[in-house]
Amino acid sequence: MKRWGIVLTALGLAVTAGGVAPTVAAAAPSAATQSTAFACEAGWGSLDKALATHSEEPLTNVRTGRHDCYDRMVFDVPGMTTADPAGHRVGYVDRITHVSETPIPVGGGAILAVRIATPVFLPGTTTPAYPVSALAAPLPGVNLTGYETFRDARYAGYYHGETTIGLGVRARLPFRVLTLPDRVVVDVAHTW
């Protein structure tokens, strides 16, 4: 009881001295509250994205990663630079076809056609990184189990300087394309 008396007396003096009503400061959010308050960036949009260049450096690998706000697909193009980037065309399509117009089934609620303007041959050879036998099969080395947005990835072939991948996603979600040294990156958001 003695403590409350001291506190009330101090508040009374503060109000009298300053002529201002006392305010109660809100407690800072805890670490647990701060982590759940994390907001994902919005505004990427779902319209086609393209860069009209071509790289002679070959596409050697495709890999994926999961992040808090998006799923990521990385196209490794060793030797490519930001000054001499690989071109790309990425956009939603109703279906993916091989050059022969044969449809390639891609699972998911929507399909992103990812076209990277690079050869698909292993460096210094004429051996394709993705052989014809990989056509329409799940993309070799890519396991999408547990991804929030990605559902399927299929190799759709190499034709006229472009390697095409059909990326099945949960829905027609916003995406972005980044051209970085040695790689082209496609991020697809988890939400709108």
Protein backbone atom coordinates (compact mmCIF):
# COMPACT_ATOMS: atom_id res chain seq x y z
CA MET A 1 0.00 0.00 0.00
CA LYS A 2 2.90 2.32 0.80
CA ARG A 3 4.25 1.90 -2.81
CA TRP A 4 0.95 2.94 -4.36
CA GLY A 5 0.94 6.07 -2.27
CA ILE A 6 4.41 7.02 -3.55
CA VAL A 7 3.43 6.35 -7.15
CA LEU A 8 0.20 8.37 -6.89
CA THR A 9 2.03 11.23 -5.21
CA ALA A 10 4.65 11.25 -7.99
CA LEU A 11 1.95 11.28 -10.67
CA GLY A 12 0.13 14.09 -8.91
CA LEU A 13 3.32 16.17 -8.74
CA ALA A 14 4.03 15.50 -12.43
CA VAL A 15 0.54 16.64 -13.43
CA THR A 16 0.68 19.72 -11.22
CA ALA A 17 4.18 20.69 -12.36
CA GLY A 18 3.63 20.14 -16.04
CA GLY A 19 -0.05 20.81 -16.34
CA VAL A 20 -0.36 17.73 -18.50
CA ALA A 21 -2.45 14.65 -17.88
CA PRO A 22 -0.41 11.54 -17.28
CA THR A 23 -0.23 8.93 -20.03
CA VAL A 24 0.50 5.24 -19.82
CA ALA A 25 3.17 4.00 -22.20
CA ALA A 26 2.26 0.88 -24.13
CA ALA A 27 4.54 -2.05 -23.55
CA ALA A 28 6.85 -2.94 -26.43
CA PRO A 29 5.74 -6.07 -28.27
CA SER A 30 7.48 -9.24 -27.24
CA ALA A 31 9.86 -11.06 -29.57
CA ALA A 32 7.13 -13.62 -30.31
CA THR A 33 4.68 -10.86 -31.27
CA GLN A 34 7.26 -9.12 -33.46
CA SER A 35 8.00 -12.26 -35.50
CA THR A 36 4.30 -12.83 -36.24
CA ALA A 37 3.91 -9.18 -37.26
CA PHE A 38 6.32 -9.71 -40.21
CA ALA A 39 4.70 -8.51 -43.44
CA CYS A 40 5.53 -9.78 -46.90
CA GLU A 41 6.25 -7.35 -49.73
CA ALA A 42 3.42 -6.88 -52.20
CA GLY A 43 3.20 -5.32 -55.63
CA TRP A 44 5.14 -7.69 -57.90
CA GLY A 45 2.12 -8.26 -60.10
CA SER A 46 1.35 -11.25 -62.29
CA LEU A 47 1.91 -9.74 -65.74
CA ASP A 48 4.64 -11.08 -68.08
CA LYS A 49 8.20 -10.07 -67.38
CA ALA A 50 10.91 -10.11 -70.05
CA LEU A 51 14.46 -9.08 -70.85
CA ALA A 52 15.35 -9.18 -74.55
CA THR A 53 18.98 -10.34 -74.47
CA HIS A 54 20.71 -13.65 -75.11
CA SER A 55 23.65 -15.30 -73.39
CA GLU A 56 26.06 -17.75 -74.96
CA GLU A 57 26.75 -19.12 -71.47
CA PRO A 58 24.83 -22.37 -70.93
CA LEU A 59 22.15 -23.11 -68.37
CA THR A 60 23.74 -25.79 -66.20
CA ASN A 61 21.32 -26.33 -63.33
CA VAL A 62 17.89 -25.48 -61.95
CA ARG A 63 17.35 -25.43 -58.19
CA THR A 64 14.69 -24.22 -55.79
CA GLY A 65 14.38 -22.74 -52.32
CA ARG A 66 11.67 -21.83 -49.80
CA HIS A 67 11.41 -18.42 -48.13
CA ASP A 68 8.97 -16.80 -45.68
CA CYS A 69 7.01 -14.96 -48.38
CA TYR A 70 7.77 -16.78 -51.64
CA ASP A 71 9.12 -19.89 -53.31
CA ARG A 72 12.22 -19.43 -55.46
CA MET A 73 13.50 -21.13 -58.62
CA VAL A 74 17.11 -20.39 -59.61
CA PHE A 75 18.52 -20.96 -63.11
CA ASP A 76 22.31 -21.27 -62.85
CA VAL A 77 24.18 -19.78 -65.82
CA PRO A 78 27.89 -19.78 -64.78
CA GLY A 79 29.85 -17.07 -66.54
CA MET A 80 26.82 -14.81 -67.04
CA THR A 81 27.21 -11.28 -65.68
CA THR A 82 24.78 -8.48 -64.94
CA ALA A 83 26.46 -6.55 -67.79
CA ASP A 84 25.79 -9.47 -70.17
CA PRO A 85 22.67 -11.13 -68.72
CA ALA A 86 20.64 -14.02 -70.04
CA GLY A 87 17.35 -12.89 -71.48
CA HIS A 88 14.10 -14.29 -70.21
CA ARG A 89 10.37 -14.34 -70.80
CA VAL A 90 8.25 -15.39 -67.84
CA GLY A 91 4.48 -15.35 -67.80
CA TYR A 92 1.33 -17.27 -67.06
CA VAL A 93 0.02 -19.51 -69.85
CA ASP A 94 -2.91 -21.85 -70.29
CA ARG A 95 -0.60 -24.70 -71.31
CA ILE A 96 3.02 -25.52 -72.12
CA THR A 97 3.90 -27.23 -75.37
CA HIS A 98 7.03 -28.68 -76.87
CA VAL A 99 8.21 -27.25 -80.21
CA SER A 100 6.16 -30.00 -81.89
CA GLU A 101 3.07 -28.41 -80.26
CA THR A 102 2.70 -31.51 -78.10
CA PRO A 103 1.12 -30.41 -74.79
CA ILE A 104 3.19 -31.08 -71.67
CA PRO A 105 1.07 -31.64 -68.56
CA VAL A 106 2.07 -29.44 -65.63
CA GLY A 107 0.36 -29.83 -62.24
CA GLY A 108 -0.96 -26.91 -60.21
CA GLY A 109 -3.69 -24.28 -60.35
CA ALA A 110 -1.69 -22.12 -62.79
CA ILE A 111 1.34 -22.52 -65.08
CA LEU A 112 4.26 -20.13 -65.41
CA ALA A 113 6.20 -20.53 -68.65
CA VAL A 114 9.82 -19.74 -67.83
CA ARG A 115 11.95 -19.21 -70.94
CA ILE A 116 15.64 -18.53 -70.40
CA ALA A 117 17.62 -17.35 -73.46
CA THR A 118 20.65 -19.58 -72.98
CA PRO A 119 21.86 -22.84 -74.49
CA VAL A 120 21.13 -25.94 -72.44
CA PHE A 121 24.37 -27.78 -73.22
CA LEU A 122 26.97 -28.71 -70.65
CA PRO A 123 29.92 -26.28 -70.83
CA GLY A 124 32.34 -27.04 -73.68
CA THR A 125 30.21 -29.89 -75.08
CA THR A 126 27.21 -30.61 -77.23
CA THR A 127 25.76 -32.78 -74.46
CA PRO A 128 22.46 -31.33 -73.25
CA ALA A 129 22.14 -30.68 -69.51
CA TYR A 130 18.55 -31.90 -69.87
CA PRO A 131 18.35 -34.71 -72.45
CA VAL A 132 15.37 -35.29 -74.71
CA SER A 133 14.41 -38.16 -72.39
CA ALA A 134 13.75 -35.50 -69.70
CA LEU A 135 11.15 -33.81 -71.92
CA ALA A 136 7.80 -33.59 -70.13
CA ALA A 137 9.21 -35.46 -67.12
CA PRO A 138 9.48 -33.81 -63.70
CA LEU A 139 12.51 -31.53 -63.78
CA PRO A 140 15.56 -33.61 -62.80
CA GLY A 141 17.00 -32.76 -59.39
CA VAL A 142 14.05 -30.57 -58.36
CA ASN A 143 11.94 -31.83 -55.44
CA LEU A 144 8.99 -29.56 -54.66
CA THR A 145 7.65 -31.51 -51.69
CA GLY A 146 6.63 -29.13 -48.89
CA TYR A 147 6.62 -25.94 -50.97
CA GLU A 148 3.80 -23.50 -50.27
CA THR A 149 3.43 -22.18 -53.84
CA PHE A 150 5.31 -24.51 -56.21
CA ARG A 151 3.50 -27.68 -57.30
CA ASP A 152 5.32 -29.06 -60.37
CA ALA A 153 8.24 -28.33 -62.72
CA ARG A 154 8.62 -29.83 -66.20
CA TYR A 155 11.31 -29.49 -68.85
CA ALA A 156 9.63 -28.34 -72.07
CA GLY A 157 12.68 -28.34 -74.33
CA TYR A 158 15.28 -26.15 -75.97
CA TYR A 159 14.50 -24.43 -79.25
CA HIS A 160 15.90 -21.38 -81.08
CA GLY A 161 18.14 -20.37 -78.18
CA GLU A 162 15.54 -20.71 -75.42
CA THR A 163 15.25 -23.29 -72.68
CA THR A 164 11.65 -23.63 -71.49
CA ILE A 165 10.46 -24.84 -68.10
CA GLY A 166 6.81 -25.23 -67.14
CA LEU A 167 6.43 -24.24 -63.49
CA GLY A 168 3.16 -25.32 -61.88
CA VAL A 169 2.08 -23.10 -59.02
CA ARG A 170 -0.84 -23.16 -56.56
CA ALA A 171 -2.65 -20.22 -58.19
CA ARG A 172 -1.98 -17.23 -60.45
CA LEU A 173 0.14 -15.45 -57.85
CA PRO A 174 2.44 -12.39 -58.12
CA PHE A 175 6.00 -13.09 -59.22
CA ARG A 176 9.26 -11.31 -59.93
CA VAL A 177 12.34 -12.11 -62.02
CA LEU A 178 15.86 -11.09 -60.95
CA THR A 179 18.97 -11.22 -63.13
CA LEU A 180 22.01 -11.69 -60.90
CA PRO A 181 25.61 -12.68 -61.65
CA ASP A 182 25.62 -16.35 -62.71
CA ARG A 183 21.86 -16.83 -62.40
CA VAL A 184 18.31 -15.85 -63.23
CA VAL A 185 15.88 -16.02 -60.29
CA VAL A 186 12.08 -16.44 -60.36
CA ASP A 187 10.25 -15.78 -57.08
CA VAL A 188 6.54 -16.58 -56.77
CA ALA A 189 4.70 -15.06 -53.79
CA HIS A 190 2.74 -17.18 -51.34
CA THR A 191 -0.17 -14.70 -51.33
CA TRP A 192 -1.62 -11.87 -53.38
